[in-house]
Amino acid sequence: MKTLIFCSIIFFPIIMNGLARFNRIFNTIFNLIAIISYVVFGGISAISIYEIIKHDVVFMTSIHAVFLNIYFLISGSYLGIYGLYLLINLMMKQLNQTNK
């Protein structure tokens, strides 16, 4: 399982970059998904912290309960992969500019 996670962290951004170069609509789709993921991730984080402060139960186990939320995990995972995708795009653009 660890190998699968590590390989997907490497290969998904590369595949995303290839798709975005193939057709520009993929770039827009990836950006839209990132915006939605950002809102979900931030919303779940804010609500979880608000509930902990409201109920005055500031324990480490209380705040870590957010990691059991599947939407939090999926959106956070996508944002991590999307960040690597953006870095790969930036690197490829810089390489293309230096080769001209």
PDB file of N, CA and C in Angstrom:
ATOM      1  N   MET A   1       0.815  -1.189   0.000  1.00  0.00           N
ATOM      2  CA  MET A   1       0.000   0.000   0.000  1.00  0.00           C
ATOM      3  C   MET A   1       0.870   1.269   0.000  1.00  0.00           C
ATOM      4  N   LYS A   2       1.955   1.231   0.759  1.00  0.00           N
ATOM      5  CA  LYS A   2       2.853   2.384   0.798  1.00  0.00           C
ATOM      6  C   LYS A   2       3.467   2.652  -0.568  1.00  0.00           C
ATOM      7  N   THR A   3       3.814   1.577  -1.273  1.00  0.00           N
ATOM      8  CA  THR A   3       4.395   1.716  -2.612  1.00  0.00           C
ATOM      9  C   THR A   3       3.379   2.320  -3.577  1.00  0.00           C
ATOM     10  N   LEU A   4       2.126   1.875  -3.477  1.00  0.00           N
ATOM     11  CA  LEU A   4       1.072   2.412  -4.336  1.00  0.00           C
ATOM     12  C   LEU A   4       0.872   3.911  -4.091  1.00  0.00           C
ATOM     13  N   ILE A   5       0.859   4.306  -2.835  1.00  0.00           N
ATOM     14  CA  ILE A   5       0.705   5.729  -2.502  1.00  0.00           C
ATOM     15  C   ILE A   5       1.880   6.529  -3.045  1.00  0.00           C
ATOM     16  N   PHE A   6       3.090   6.050  -2.820  1.00  0.00           N
ATOM     17  CA  PHE A   6       4.280   6.758  -3.283  1.00  0.00           C
ATOM     18  C   PHE A   6       4.306   6.872  -4.805  1.00  0.00           C
ATOM     19  N   CYS A   7       3.974   5.792  -5.498  1.00  0.00           N
ATOM     20  CA  CYS A   7       3.971   5.816  -6.964  1.00  0.00           C
ATOM     21  C   CYS A   7       2.892   6.751  -7.506  1.00  0.00           C
ATOM     22  N   SER A   8       1.731   6.783  -6.859  1.00  0.00           N
ATOM     23  CA  SER A   8       0.669   7.671  -7.333  1.00  0.00           C
ATOM     24  C   SER A   8       1.035   9.139  -7.117  1.00  0.00           C
ATOM     25  N   ILE A   9       1.790   9.438  -6.049  1.00  0.00           N
ATOM     26  CA  ILE A   9       2.247  10.810  -5.825  1.00  0.00           C
ATOM     27  C   ILE A   9       3.168  11.249  -6.959  1.00  0.00           C
ATOM     28  N   ILE A  10       3.926  10.330  -7.500  1.00  0.00           N
ATOM     29  CA  ILE A  10       4.854  10.655  -8.591  1.00  0.00           C
ATOM     30  C   ILE A  10       4.149  10.666  -9.945  1.00  0.00           C
ATOM     31  N   PHE A  11       3.340   9.644 -10.226  1.00  0.00           N
ATOM     32  CA  PHE A  11       2.814   9.471 -11.578  1.00  0.00           C
ATOM     33  C   PHE A  11       1.580  10.311 -11.893  1.00  0.00           C
ATOM     34  N   PHE A  12       0.689  10.543 -10.930  1.00  0.00           N
ATOM     35  CA  PHE A  12      -0.517  11.317 -11.227  1.00  0.00           C
ATOM     36  C   PHE A  12      -0.216  12.734 -11.698  1.00  0.00           C
ATOM     37  N   PRO A  13       0.684  13.483 -11.048  1.00  0.00           N
ATOM     38  CA  PRO A  13       0.987  14.820 -11.581  1.00  0.00           C
ATOM     39  C   PRO A  13       1.603  14.785 -12.982  1.00  0.00           C
ATOM     40  N   ILE A  14       2.406  13.774 -13.255  1.00  0.00           N
ATOM     41  CA  ILE A  14       3.010  13.646 -14.587  1.00  0.00           C
ATOM     42  C   ILE A  14       1.930  13.360 -15.625  1.00  0.00           C
ATOM     43  N   ILE A  15       0.985  12.486 -15.281  1.00  0.00           N
ATOM     44  CA  ILE A  15      -0.128  12.181 -16.191  1.00  0.00           C
ATOM     45  C   ILE A  15      -0.993  13.419 -16.389  1.00  0.00           C
ATOM     46  N   MET A  16      -1.242  14.162 -15.305  1.00  0.00           N
ATOM     47  CA  MET A  16      -2.027  15.398 -15.411  1.00  0.00           C
ATOM     48  C   MET A  16      -1.339  16.393 -16.344  1.00  0.00           C
ATOM     49  N   ASN A  17      -0.030  16.503 -16.232  1.00  0.00           N
ATOM     50  CA  ASN A  17       0.722  17.411 -17.094  1.00  0.00           C
ATOM     51  C   ASN A  17       0.611  16.984 -18.555  1.00  0.00           C
ATOM     52  N   GLY A  18       0.722  15.701 -18.800  1.00  0.00           N
ATOM     53  CA  GLY A  18       0.577  15.205 -20.170  1.00  0.00           C
ATOM     54  C   GLY A  18      -0.808  15.469 -20.736  1.00  0.00           C
ATOM     55  N   LEU A  19      -1.840  15.268 -19.932  1.00  0.00           N
ATOM     56  CA  LEU A  19      -3.204  15.528 -20.390  1.00  0.00           C
ATOM     57  C   LEU A  19      -3.412  17.019 -20.669  1.00  0.00           C
ATOM     58  N   ALA A  20      -2.866  17.869 -19.806  1.00  0.00           N
ATOM     59  CA  ALA A  20      -3.017  19.315 -19.997  1.00  0.00           C
ATOM     60  C   ALA A  20      -2.303  19.781 -21.259  1.00  0.00           C
ATOM     61  N   ARG A  21      -1.186  19.159 -21.595  1.00  0.00           N
ATOM     62  CA  ARG A  21      -0.481  19.507 -22.834  1.00  0.00           C
ATOM     63  C   ARG A  21      -1.213  18.976 -24.059  1.00  0.00           C
ATOM     64  N   PHE A  22      -1.899  17.846 -23.885  1.00  0.00           N
ATOM     65  CA  PHE A  22      -2.654  17.234 -24.975  1.00  0.00           C
ATOM     66  C   PHE A  22      -3.866  18.080 -25.351  1.00  0.00           C
ATOM     67  N   ASN A  23      -4.599  18.536 -24.341  1.00  0.00           N
ATOM     68  CA  ASN A  23      -5.797  19.332 -24.576  1.00  0.00           C
ATOM     69  C   ASN A  23      -5.943  20.332 -23.428  1.00  0.00           C
ATOM     70  N   ARG A  24      -6.073  21.604 -23.751  1.00  0.00           N
ATOM     71  CA  ARG A  24      -6.119  22.676 -22.742  1.00  0.00           C
ATOM     72  C   ARG A  24      -7.341  22.601 -21.834  1.00  0.00           C
ATOM     73  N   ILE A  25      -8.386  21.896 -22.246  1.00  0.00           N
ATOM     74  CA  ILE A  25      -9.578  21.777 -21.401  1.00  0.00           C
ATOM     75  C   ILE A  25      -9.252  21.045 -20.095  1.00  0.00           C
ATOM     76  N   PHE A  26      -8.278  20.135 -20.154  1.00  0.00           N
ATOM     77  CA  PHE A  26      -7.885  19.409 -18.951  1.00  0.00           C
ATOM     78  C   PHE A  26      -7.290  20.356 -17.906  1.00  0.00           C
ATOM     79  N   ASN A  27      -6.555  21.349 -18.351  1.00  0.00           N
ATOM     80  CA  ASN A  27      -6.004  22.333 -17.430  1.00  0.00           C
ATOM     81  C   ASN A  27      -7.121  23.059 -16.683  1.00  0.00           C
ATOM     82  N   THR A  28      -8.171  23.444 -17.407  1.00  0.00           N
ATOM     83  CA  THR A  28      -9.321  24.107 -16.793  1.00  0.00           C
ATOM     84  C   THR A  28     -10.036  23.172 -15.826  1.00  0.00           C
ATOM     85  N   ILE A  29     -10.177  21.927 -16.207  1.00  0.00           N
ATOM     86  CA  ILE A  29     -10.834  20.941 -15.334  1.00  0.00           C
ATOM     87  C   ILE A  29     -10.033  20.747 -14.054  1.00  0.00           C
ATOM     88  N   PHE A  30      -8.712  20.615 -14.180  1.00  0.00           N
ATOM     89  CA  PHE A  30      -7.863  20.436 -12.993  1.00  0.00           C
ATOM     90  C   PHE A  30      -7.944  21.651 -12.076  1.00  0.00           C
ATOM     91  N   ASN A  31      -7.984  22.840 -12.658  1.00  0.00           N
ATOM     92  CA  ASN A  31      -8.104  24.061 -11.861  1.00  0.00           C
ATOM     93  C   ASN A  31      -9.453  24.127 -11.142  1.00  0.00           C
ATOM     94  N   LEU A  32     -10.519  23.758 -11.828  1.00  0.00           N
ATOM     95  CA  LEU A  32     -11.853  23.768 -11.229  1.00  0.00           C
ATOM     96  C   LEU A  32     -11.950  22.774 -10.068  1.00  0.00           C
ATOM     97  N   ILE A  33     -11.415  21.591 -10.274  1.00  0.00           N
ATOM     98  CA  ILE A  33     -11.416  20.592  -9.200  1.00  0.00           C
ATOM     99  C   ILE A  33     -10.602  21.091  -8.009  1.00  0.00           C
ATOM    100  N   ALA A  34      -9.500  21.791  -8.277  1.00  0.00           N
ATOM    101  CA  ALA A  34      -8.672  22.329  -7.193  1.00  0.00           C
ATOM    102  C   ALA A  34      -9.430  23.390  -6.397  1.00  0.00           C
ATOM    103  N   ILE A  35     -10.185  24.229  -7.080  1.00  0.00           N
ATOM    104  CA  ILE A  35     -10.974  25.251  -6.383  1.00  0.00           C
ATOM    105  C   ILE A  35     -12.010  24.595  -5.484  1.00  0.00           C
ATOM    106  N   ILE A  36     -12.705  23.606  -6.013  1.00  0.00           N
ATOM    107  CA  ILE A  36     -13.708  22.888  -5.216  1.00  0.00           C
ATOM    108  C   ILE A  36     -13.043  22.189  -4.029  1.00  0.00           C
ATOM    109  N   SER A  37     -11.913  21.550  -4.271  1.00  0.00           N
ATOM    110  CA  SER A  37     -11.198  20.865  -3.197  1.00  0.00           C
ATOM    111  C   SER A  37     -10.734  21.831  -2.120  1.00  0.00           C
ATOM    112  N   TYR A  38     -10.288  22.996  -2.542  1.00  0.00           N
ATOM    113  CA  TYR A  38      -9.836  24.013  -1.595  1.00  0.00           C
ATOM    114  C   TYR A  38     -10.978  24.459  -0.685  1.00  0.00           C
ATOM    115  N   VAL A  39     -12.154  24.679  -1.277  1.00  0.00           N
ATOM    116  CA  VAL A  39     -13.319  25.098  -0.491  1.00  0.00           C
ATOM    117  C   VAL A  39     -13.734  23.995   0.477  1.00  0.00           C
ATOM    118  N   VAL A  40     -13.770  22.755   0.013  1.00  0.00           N
ATOM    119  CA  VAL A  40     -14.145  21.627   0.877  1.00  0.00           C
ATOM    120  C   VAL A  40     -13.133  21.455   1.997  1.00  0.00           C
ATOM    121  N   PHE A  41     -11.864  21.450   1.653  1.00  0.00           N
ATOM    122  CA  PHE A  41     -10.794  21.259   2.633  1.00  0.00           C
ATOM    123  C   PHE A  41     -10.815  22.367   3.690  1.00  0.00           C
ATOM    124  N   GLY A  42     -10.908  23.606   3.243  1.00  0.00           N
ATOM    125  CA  GLY A  42     -10.936  24.735   4.170  1.00  0.00           C
ATOM    126  C   GLY A  42     -12.193  24.763   5.016  1.00  0.00           C
ATOM    127  N   GLY A  43     -13.317  24.444   4.404  1.00  0.00           N
ATOM    128  CA  GLY A  43     -14.579  24.425   5.134  1.00  0.00           C
ATOM    129  C   GLY A  43     -14.604  23.379   6.233  1.00  0.00           C
ATOM    130  N   ILE A  44     -14.155  22.185   5.907  1.00  0.00           N
ATOM    131  CA  ILE A  44     -14.127  21.119   6.910  1.00  0.00           C
ATOM    132  C   ILE A  44     -13.161  21.462   8.033  1.00  0.00           C
ATOM    133  N   SER A  45     -12.015  22.018   7.690  1.00  0.00           N
ATOM    134  CA  SER A  45     -11.038  22.422   8.709  1.00  0.00           C
ATOM    135  C   SER A  45     -11.621  23.486   9.629  1.00  0.00           C
ATOM    136  N   ALA A  46     -12.226  24.504   9.050  1.00  0.00           N
ATOM    137  CA  ALA A  46     -12.778  25.601   9.844  1.00  0.00           C
ATOM    138  C   ALA A  46     -13.915  25.127  10.743  1.00  0.00           C
ATOM    139  N   ILE A  47     -14.800  24.308  10.203  1.00  0.00           N
ATOM    140  CA  ILE A  47     -15.924  23.802  10.993  1.00  0.00           C
ATOM    141  C   ILE A  47     -15.428  22.929  12.136  1.00  0.00           C
ATOM    142  N   SER A  48     -14.449  22.087  11.870  1.00  0.00           N
ATOM    143  CA  SER A  48     -13.911  21.213  12.916  1.00  0.00           C
ATOM    144  C   SER A  48     -13.270  22.023  14.038  1.00  0.00           C
ATOM    145  N   ILE A  49     -12.496  23.022  13.680  1.00  0.00           N
ATOM    146  CA  ILE A  49     -11.851  23.859  14.697  1.00  0.00           C
ATOM    147  C   ILE A  49     -12.896  24.659  15.464  1.00  0.00           C
ATOM    148  N   TYR A  50     -13.904  25.174  14.770  1.00  0.00           N
ATOM    149  CA  TYR A  50     -14.975  25.919  15.436  1.00  0.00           C
ATOM    150  C   TYR A  50     -15.694  25.045  16.463  1.00  0.00           C
ATOM    151  N   GLU A  51     -16.035  23.808  16.080  1.00  0.00           N
ATOM    152  CA  GLU A  51     -16.748  22.920  17.002  1.00  0.00           C
ATOM    153  C   GLU A  51     -15.901  22.566  18.215  1.00  0.00           C
ATOM    154  N   ILE A  52     -14.622  22.395  18.024  1.00  0.00           N
ATOM    155  CA  ILE A  52     -13.739  22.075  19.147  1.00  0.00           C
ATOM    156  C   ILE A  52     -13.645  23.257  20.107  1.00  0.00           C
ATOM    157  N   ILE A  53     -13.502  24.454  19.577  1.00  0.00           N
ATOM    158  CA  ILE A  53     -13.425  25.639  20.433  1.00  0.00           C
ATOM    159  C   ILE A  53     -14.772  25.910  21.112  1.00  0.00           C
ATOM    160  N   LYS A  54     -15.856  25.723  20.362  1.00  0.00           N
ATOM    161  CA  LYS A  54     -17.196  25.961  20.897  1.00  0.00           C
ATOM    162  C   LYS A  54     -17.506  25.040  22.070  1.00  0.00           C
ATOM    163  N   HIS A  55     -17.129  23.770  21.947  1.00  0.00           N
ATOM    164  CA  HIS A  55     -17.404  22.789  23.004  1.00  0.00           C
ATOM    165  C   HIS A  55     -16.299  22.736  24.046  1.00  0.00           C
ATOM    166  N   ASP A  56     -15.254  23.544  23.858  1.00  0.00           N
ATOM    167  CA  ASP A  56     -14.141  23.632  24.807  1.00  0.00           C
ATOM    168  C   ASP A  56     -13.532  22.261  25.112  1.00  0.00           C
ATOM    169  N   VAL A  57     -13.277  21.517  24.048  1.00  0.00           N
ATOM    170  CA  VAL A  57     -12.643  20.196  24.177  1.00  0.00           C
ATOM    171  C   VAL A  57     -11.349  20.182  23.366  1.00  0.00           C
ATOM    172  N   VAL A  58     -10.433  21.009  23.745  1.00  0.00           N
ATOM    173  CA  VAL A  58      -9.188  21.139  22.998  1.00  0.00           C
ATOM    174  C   VAL A  58      -8.239  20.023  23.426  1.00  0.00           C
ATOM    175  N   PHE A  59      -8.443  18.864  22.826  1.00  0.00           N
ATOM    176  CA  PHE A  59      -7.568  17.715  23.032  1.00  0.00           C
ATOM    177  C   PHE A  59      -6.986  17.320  21.678  1.00  0.00           C
ATOM    178  N   MET A  60      -5.850  16.706  21.700  1.00  0.00           N
ATOM    179  CA  MET A  60      -5.227  16.275  20.448  1.00  0.00           C
ATOM    180  C   MET A  60      -6.113  15.277  19.715  1.00  0.00           C
ATOM    181  N   THR A  61      -6.803  14.420  20.444  1.00  0.00           N
ATOM    182  CA  THR A  61      -7.654  13.430  19.785  1.00  0.00           C
ATOM    183  C   THR A  61      -8.863  14.084  19.134  1.00  0.00           C
ATOM    184  N   SER A  62      -9.323  15.176  19.681  1.00  0.00           N
ATOM    185  CA  SER A  62     -10.481  15.869  19.099  1.00  0.00           C
ATOM    186  C   SER A  62     -10.133  16.488  17.750  1.00  0.00           C
ATOM    187  N   ILE A  63      -9.022  17.154  17.670  1.00  0.00           N
ATOM    188  CA  ILE A  63      -8.653  17.816  16.421  1.00  0.00           C
ATOM    189  C   ILE A  63      -8.259  16.792  15.354  1.00  0.00           C
ATOM    190  N   HIS A  64      -7.721  15.676  15.760  1.00  0.00           N
ATOM    191  CA  HIS A  64      -7.315  14.667  14.791  1.00  0.00           C
ATOM    192  C   HIS A  64      -8.487  13.838  14.268  1.00  0.00           C
ATOM    193  N   ALA A  65      -9.663  14.031  14.841  1.00  0.00           N
ATOM    194  CA  ALA A  65     -10.846  13.330  14.331  1.00  0.00           C
ATOM    195  C   ALA A  65     -11.193  13.789  12.919  1.00  0.00           C
ATOM    196  N   VAL A  66     -10.713  14.957  12.519  1.00  0.00           N
ATOM    197  CA  VAL A  66     -10.972  15.450  11.167  1.00  0.00           C
ATOM    198  C   VAL A  66     -10.353  14.518  10.124  1.00  0.00           C
ATOM    199  N   PHE A  67      -9.320  13.795  10.487  1.00  0.00           N
ATOM    200  CA  PHE A  67      -8.678  12.873   9.543  1.00  0.00           C
ATOM    201  C   PHE A  67      -9.546  11.662   9.218  1.00  0.00           C
ATOM    202  N   LEU A  68     -10.635  11.495   9.933  1.00  0.00           N
ATOM    203  CA  LEU A  68     -11.561  10.404   9.638  1.00  0.00           C
ATOM    204  C   LEU A  68     -12.595  10.802   8.585  1.00  0.00           C
ATOM    205  N   ASN A  69     -12.628  12.074   8.230  1.00  0.00           N
ATOM    206  CA  ASN A  69     -13.576  12.565   7.241  1.00  0.00           C
ATOM    207  C   ASN A  69     -13.033  12.280   5.840  1.00  0.00           C
ATOM    208  N   ILE A  70     -13.763  11.481   5.076  1.00  0.00           N
ATOM    209  CA  ILE A  70     -13.301  11.048   3.755  1.00  0.00           C
ATOM    210  C   ILE A  70     -13.199  12.225   2.781  1.00  0.00           C
ATOM    211  N   TYR A  71     -14.093  13.210   2.896  1.00  0.00           N
ATOM    212  CA  TYR A  71     -14.043  14.370   2.003  1.00  0.00           C
ATOM    213  C   TYR A  71     -12.808  15.229   2.283  1.00  0.00           C
ATOM    214  N   PHE A  72     -12.448  15.326   3.545  1.00  0.00           N
ATOM    215  CA  PHE A  72     -11.237  16.042   3.932  1.00  0.00           C
ATOM    216  C   PHE A  72     -10.008  15.355   3.335  1.00  0.00           C
ATOM    217  N   LEU A  73      -9.971  14.032   3.434  1.00  0.00           N
ATOM    218  CA  LEU A  73      -8.826  13.282   2.917  1.00  0.00           C
ATOM    219  C   LEU A  73      -8.724  13.357   1.395  1.00  0.00           C
ATOM    220  N   ILE A  74      -9.854  13.220   0.714  1.00  0.00           N
ATOM    221  CA  ILE A  74      -9.842  13.254  -0.752  1.00  0.00           C
ATOM    222  C   ILE A  74      -9.446  14.636  -1.266  1.00  0.00           C
ATOM    223  N   SER A  75     -10.044  15.679  -0.683  1.00  0.00           N
ATOM    224  CA  SER A  75      -9.716  17.022  -1.153  1.00  0.00           C
ATOM    225  C   SER A  75      -8.274  17.394  -0.826  1.00  0.00           C
ATOM    226  N   GLY A  76      -7.796  17.008   0.340  1.00  0.00           N
ATOM    227  CA  GLY A  76      -6.398  17.270   0.696  1.00  0.00           C
ATOM    228  C   GLY A  76      -5.430  16.515  -0.195  1.00  0.00           C
ATOM    229  N   SER A  77      -5.773  15.288  -0.525  1.00  0.00           N
ATOM    230  CA  SER A  77      -4.919  14.495  -1.417  1.00  0.00           C
ATOM    231  C   SER A  77      -4.854  15.126  -2.796  1.00  0.00           C
ATOM    232  N   TYR A  78      -6.009  15.563  -3.309  1.00  0.00           N
ATOM    233  CA  TYR A  78      -6.003  16.189  -4.625  1.00  0.00           C
ATOM    234  C   TYR A  78      -5.185  17.475  -4.614  1.00  0.00           C
ATOM    235  N   LEU A  79      -5.304  18.261  -3.559  1.00  0.00           N
ATOM    236  CA  LEU A  79      -4.543  19.510  -3.497  1.00  0.00           C
ATOM    237  C   LEU A  79      -3.036  19.247  -3.474  1.00  0.00           C
ATOM    238  N   GLY A  80      -2.624  18.169  -2.824  1.00  0.00           N
ATOM    239  CA  GLY A  80      -1.209  17.812  -2.828  1.00  0.00           C
ATOM    240  C   GLY A  80      -0.726  17.420  -4.214  1.00  0.00           C
ATOM    241  N   ILE A  81      -1.505  16.612  -4.891  1.00  0.00           N
ATOM    242  CA  ILE A  81      -1.150  16.189  -6.249  1.00  0.00           C
ATOM    243  C   ILE A  81      -1.216  17.379  -7.212  1.00  0.00           C
ATOM    244  N   TYR A  82      -2.210  18.233  -7.030  1.00  0.00           N
ATOM    245  CA  TYR A  82      -2.357  19.422  -7.877  1.00  0.00           C
ATOM    246  C   TYR A  82      -1.163  20.367  -7.690  1.00  0.00           C
ATOM    247  N   GLY A  83      -0.687  20.494  -6.472  1.00  0.00           N
ATOM    248  CA  GLY A  83       0.486  21.323  -6.215  1.00  0.00           C
ATOM    249  C   GLY A  83       1.707  20.821  -6.966  1.00  0.00           C
ATOM    250  N   LEU A  84       1.904  19.513  -6.962  1.00  0.00           N
ATOM    251  CA  LEU A  84       3.018  18.938  -7.725  1.00  0.00           C
ATOM    252  C   LEU A  84       2.819  19.137  -9.226  1.00  0.00           C
ATOM    253  N   TYR A  85       1.586  19.024  -9.672  1.00  0.00           N
ATOM    254  CA  TYR A  85       1.264  19.272 -11.085  1.00  0.00           C
ATOM    255  C   TYR A  85       1.639  20.696 -11.482  1.00  0.00           C
ATOM    256  N   LEU A  86       1.311  21.670 -10.627  1.00  0.00           N
ATOM    257  CA  LEU A  86       1.662  23.059 -10.915  1.00  0.00           C
ATOM    258  C   LEU A  86       3.177  23.261 -10.947  1.00  0.00           C
ATOM    259  N   LEU A  87       3.885  22.607 -10.036  1.00  0.00           N
ATOM    260  CA  LEU A  87       5.344  22.719 -10.031  1.00  0.00           C
ATOM    261  C   LEU A  87       5.963  22.108 -11.281  1.00  0.00           C
ATOM    262  N   ILE A  88       5.410  20.995 -11.734  1.00  0.00           N
ATOM    263  CA  ILE A  88       5.899  20.369 -12.967  1.00  0.00           C
ATOM    264  C   ILE A  88       5.631  21.289 -14.157  1.00  0.00           C
ATOM    265  N   ASN A  89       4.422  21.892 -14.206  1.00  0.00           N
ATOM    266  CA  ASN A  89       4.114  22.842 -15.284  1.00  0.00           C
ATOM    267  C   ASN A  89       5.082  24.013 -15.283  1.00  0.00           C
ATOM    268  N   LEU A  90       5.358  24.560 -14.113  1.00  0.00           N
ATOM    269  CA  LEU A  90       6.278  25.684 -13.995  1.00  0.00           C
ATOM    270  C   LEU A  90       7.677  25.296 -14.470  1.00  0.00           C
ATOM    271  N   MET A  91       8.127  24.125 -14.062  1.00  0.00           N
ATOM    272  CA  MET A  91       9.448  23.655 -14.461  1.00  0.00           C
ATOM    273  C   MET A  91       9.531  23.463 -15.976  1.00  0.00           C
ATOM    274  N   MET A  92       8.483  22.884 -16.559  1.00  0.00           N
ATOM    275  CA  MET A  92       8.476  22.659 -18.004  1.00  0.00           C
ATOM    276  C   MET A  92       8.473  23.980 -18.768  1.00  0.00           C
ATOM    277  N   LYS A  93       7.740  24.974 -18.285  1.00  0.00           N
ATOM    278  CA  LYS A  93       7.729  26.290 -18.932  1.00  0.00           C
ATOM    279  C   LYS A  93       9.094  26.945 -18.852  1.00  0.00           C
ATOM    280  N   GLN A  94       9.746  26.829 -17.714  1.00  0.00           N
ATOM    281  CA  GLN A  94      11.077  27.415 -17.555  1.00  0.00           C
ATOM    282  C   GLN A  94      12.091  26.708 -18.448  1.00  0.00           C
ATOM    283  N   LEU A  95      11.977  25.387 -18.558  1.00  0.00           N
ATOM    284  CA  LEU A  95      12.885  24.654 -19.436  1.00  0.00           C
ATOM    285  C   LEU A  95      12.676  25.039 -20.897  1.00  0.00           C
ATOM    286  N   ASN A  96      11.425  25.231 -21.288  1.00  0.00           N
ATOM    287  CA  ASN A  96      11.132  25.636 -22.672  1.00  0.00           C
ATOM    288  C   ASN A  96      11.651  27.028 -22.962  1.00  0.00           C
ATOM    289  N   GLN A  97      11.617  27.931 -21.988  1.00  0.00           N
ATOM    290  CA  GLN A  97      12.112  29.288 -22.191  1.00  0.00           C
ATOM    291  C   GLN A  97      13.632  29.322 -22.293  1.00  0.00           C
ATOM    292  N   THR A  98      14.304  28.480 -21.529  1.00  0.00           N
ATOM    293  CA  THR A  98      15.770  28.471 -21.576  1.00  0.00           C
ATOM    294  C   THR A  98      16.296  27.789 -22.843  1.00  0.00           C
ATOM    295  N   ASN A  99      15.497  26.922 -23.445  1.00  0.00           N
ATOM    296  CA  ASN A  99      15.926  26.218 -24.655  1.00  0.00           C
ATOM    297  C   ASN A  99      15.716  27.058 -25.912  1.00  0.00           C
ATOM    298  N   LYS A 100      15.044  28.175 -25.810  1.00  0.00           N
ATOM    299  CA  LYS A 100      14.772  29.015 -26.993  1.00  0.00           C
ATOM    300  C   LYS A 100      15.918  29.907 -27.318  1.00  0.00           C
TER     301      LYS A 100
END
